[in-house]
Protein backbone atom coordinates (compact mmCIF):
# COMPACT_ATOMS: atom_id res chain seq x y z
CA MET A 1 -0.12 0.02 0.03
CA ALA A 2 1.46 3.30 -1.06
CA THR A 3 2.07 5.78 1.67
CA LEU A 4 0.75 9.42 1.73
CA VAL A 5 4.05 10.80 0.46
CA GLN A 6 4.39 8.22 -2.34
CA ASN A 7 0.69 9.23 -3.28
CA LEU A 8 1.69 12.75 -3.28
CA GLN A 9 5.01 12.33 -5.18
CA THR A 10 2.92 10.31 -7.89
CA ARG A 11 0.45 13.05 -8.35
CA ARG A 12 3.48 15.57 -8.45
CA ASP A 13 5.14 13.78 -11.21
CA ALA A 14 1.86 13.32 -12.93
CA ILE A 15 1.34 17.01 -13.04
CA GLY A 16 4.78 17.49 -14.40
CA VAL A 17 3.99 15.23 -17.11
CA GLU A 18 0.87 17.19 -17.93
CA LEU A 19 2.27 20.52 -17.63
CA ALA A 20 5.23 19.28 -20.21
CA ALA A 21 2.70 18.05 -22.48
CA LEU A 22 1.02 21.52 -22.98
CA SER A 23 0.99 22.76 -26.65
CA THR A 24 -0.59 25.38 -28.54
CA THR A 25 -2.87 22.91 -29.96
CA GLY A 26 -4.12 21.35 -26.58
CA ALA A 27 -5.95 22.00 -23.37
CA GLY A 28 -4.01 24.55 -21.45
CA GLY A 29 -1.85 25.89 -24.13
CA LEU A 30 -4.44 27.95 -25.82
CA PRO A 31 -5.92 31.51 -25.13
CA ASN A 32 -9.44 31.12 -23.24
CA ALA A 33 -12.53 30.31 -25.57
CA SER A 34 -15.51 32.17 -25.23
CA GLY A 35 -19.21 31.61 -26.78
CA PRO A 36 -21.49 28.45 -26.26
CA ASN A 37 -18.25 26.02 -26.28
CA ALA A 38 -16.25 28.25 -23.94
CA VAL A 39 -13.09 26.55 -22.42
CA ASP A 40 -10.93 28.00 -19.70
CA HIS A 41 -7.46 26.90 -20.91
CA VAL A 42 -5.62 29.58 -18.68
CA GLY A 43 -7.76 28.39 -15.57
CA TYR A 44 -6.79 24.77 -16.44
CA LYS A 45 -2.96 25.45 -16.32
CA ASP A 46 -3.21 27.76 -13.39
CA GLY A 47 -4.98 25.13 -11.69
CA LEU A 48 -2.21 22.46 -12.23
CA TYR A 49 0.43 25.15 -11.25
CA ARG A 50 -1.59 25.94 -7.76
CA GLU A 51 -2.07 21.98 -6.94
CA LEU A 52 1.72 21.29 -7.84
CA GLU A 53 2.67 24.40 -5.32
CA THR A 54 0.05 22.79 -2.61
CA ILE A 55 1.76 19.30 -3.03
CA ASP A 56 5.17 20.74 -2.54
CA LYS A 57 4.63 22.43 0.57
CA LEU A 58 2.70 19.30 1.81
CA LEU A 59 5.71 17.24 0.93
CA GLU A 60 8.04 19.45 2.58
CA HIS A 61 6.03 19.35 5.68
CA LEU A 62 5.82 15.75 5.61
CA ASN A 63 9.51 15.08 4.90
CA ASN A 64 10.21 17.41 7.82
CA ASP A 65 7.62 16.34 10.32
CA THR A 66 9.38 13.20 12.27
CA SER A 67 6.05 11.94 13.52
CA ALA A 68 4.89 11.20 10.00
CA GLY A 69 7.94 9.17 9.20
CA GLY A 70 9.95 12.05 7.70
CA ALA A 71 13.69 12.41 8.64
CA GLY A 72 13.33 16.00 10.13
CA PRO A 73 15.32 19.05 9.27
CA THR A 74 18.45 18.65 7.40
CA GLU A 75 21.28 20.45 6.62
CA ILE A 76 23.40 20.45 3.12
CA VAL A 77 26.98 21.29 3.33
CA THR A 78 28.62 22.08 -0.15
CA GLU A 79 32.35 22.51 -0.58
CA GLY A 80 34.03 24.00 -3.54
CA TYR A 81 37.27 23.48 -4.91
CA ALA A 82 39.74 26.50 -4.79
């Protein structure tokens, strides 16, 4: 059974694929269409970005929450060459 973190990562990856597939000929890549067959392309793309932002925040929280199985805060040290 997948964990919450795994499910969120899977959804995040799916959104990334969807955003990468946007083109000027498909949903999300066109300007909004009005009239009897109105389509909110801009809203669709915006919704994907908002969902991605929410998922990233949830993953950050869960990865820092030791009670949820996260490793807690981490420190990264980068050393360069002189």
